[in-house]
Amino acid sequence: MAASARAEKRGSLLETEARDILKAYGFDLPAHGLAASADEAARLFSDLHCDKVAMKIVSPDIVHKTEARGVILNIAS
């Protein structure tokens, strides 16, 4: 789960890596998905059946998403 972070000598985990660890310990987490394009994001939005979602950037180079303006909340379409 954290093998990539160790191999890349990163001091922090990506959100997806952290979620995998939390799930392994039995934490109940909200539905989510990872999209690499606008089309994938639109499909995920449809599949999640939510009124609104949040989008966050996932990058080992960006630890503090809000400071990098990498978080968008309340997306309704």
Protein backbone atom coordinates (compact mmCIF):
# COMPACT_ATOMS: atom_id res chain seq x y z
CA MET A 1 0.00 0.00 0.00
CA ALA A 2 2.72 2.47 0.90
CA ALA A 3 5.34 0.64 -1.16
CA SER A 4 5.26 3.25 -3.94
CA ALA A 5 5.86 6.06 -1.46
CA ARG A 6 8.78 4.17 0.08
CA ALA A 7 10.26 3.26 -3.31
CA GLU A 8 9.99 6.87 -4.47
CA LYS A 9 11.36 8.11 -1.12
CA ARG A 10 8.32 10.32 -0.60
CA GLY A 11 7.65 11.74 2.84
CA SER A 12 3.89 11.58 2.38
CA LEU A 13 1.22 9.36 0.86
CA LEU A 14 -1.09 10.17 -1.99
CA GLU A 15 -4.73 10.36 -0.92
CA THR A 16 -5.45 7.12 -2.77
CA GLU A 17 -2.65 5.35 -0.88
CA ALA A 18 -3.87 6.68 2.46
CA ARG A 19 -7.44 5.56 1.66
CA ASP A 20 -6.20 2.04 0.92
CA ILE A 21 -4.52 1.88 4.33
CA LEU A 22 -7.58 3.24 6.14
CA LYS A 23 -9.81 0.70 4.35
CA ALA A 24 -7.43 -2.12 5.32
CA TYR A 25 -7.98 -1.13 8.96
CA GLY A 26 -11.74 -1.17 8.57
CA PHE A 27 -12.54 2.53 8.24
CA ASP A 28 -15.77 3.27 6.35
CA LEU A 29 -14.96 5.89 3.70
CA PRO A 30 -17.18 7.86 1.32
CA ALA A 31 -17.41 6.72 -2.28
CA HIS A 32 -14.70 8.08 -4.54
CA GLY A 33 -12.94 7.54 -7.81
CA LEU A 34 -9.84 8.56 -9.70
CA ALA A 35 -10.13 10.14 -13.13
CA ALA A 36 -7.37 11.01 -15.58
CA SER A 37 -9.57 12.98 -17.98
CA ALA A 38 -12.70 15.11 -18.10
CA ASP A 39 -14.62 12.23 -19.70
CA GLU A 40 -13.60 9.87 -16.90
CA ALA A 41 -14.59 12.47 -14.30
CA ALA A 42 -18.03 12.85 -15.92
CA ARG A 43 -18.54 9.07 -15.86
CA LEU A 44 -17.50 8.89 -12.20
CA PHE A 45 -19.90 11.70 -11.31
CA SER A 46 -22.72 9.77 -12.98
CA ASP A 47 -21.72 6.47 -11.33
CA LEU A 48 -21.56 7.99 -7.83
CA HIS A 49 -25.25 9.08 -7.98
CA CYS A 50 -24.55 12.17 -5.85
CA ASP A 51 -26.03 15.66 -6.07
CA LYS A 52 -22.63 17.28 -5.60
CA VAL A 53 -19.03 16.11 -5.50
CA ALA A 54 -15.59 17.48 -4.73
CA MET A 55 -12.60 17.22 -7.06
CA LYS A 56 -9.05 17.09 -5.74
CA ILE A 57 -5.75 16.90 -7.53
CA VAL A 58 -3.69 13.74 -6.91
CA SER A 59 0.03 14.26 -7.35
CA PRO A 60 3.12 13.32 -5.35
CA ASP A 61 4.36 16.85 -6.10
CA ILE A 62 1.38 18.55 -4.44
CA VAL A 63 0.97 17.69 -0.76
CA HIS A 64 -1.15 20.69 0.27
CA LYS A 65 -4.01 20.61 -2.23
CA THR A 66 -5.83 23.73 -1.02
CA GLU A 67 -2.70 25.87 -1.15
CA ALA A 68 -2.16 24.79 -4.76
CA ARG A 69 -5.82 25.49 -5.57
CA GLY A 70 -6.22 21.80 -6.24
CA VAL A 71 -9.61 21.38 -4.58
CA ILE A 72 -13.01 22.26 -6.05
CA LEU A 73 -16.13 21.76 -3.94
CA ASN A 74 -19.85 21.51 -4.68
CA ILE A 75 -19.61 20.39 -8.31
CA ALA A 76 -23.16 19.68 -9.43
CA SER A 77 -22.66 18.64 -13.06
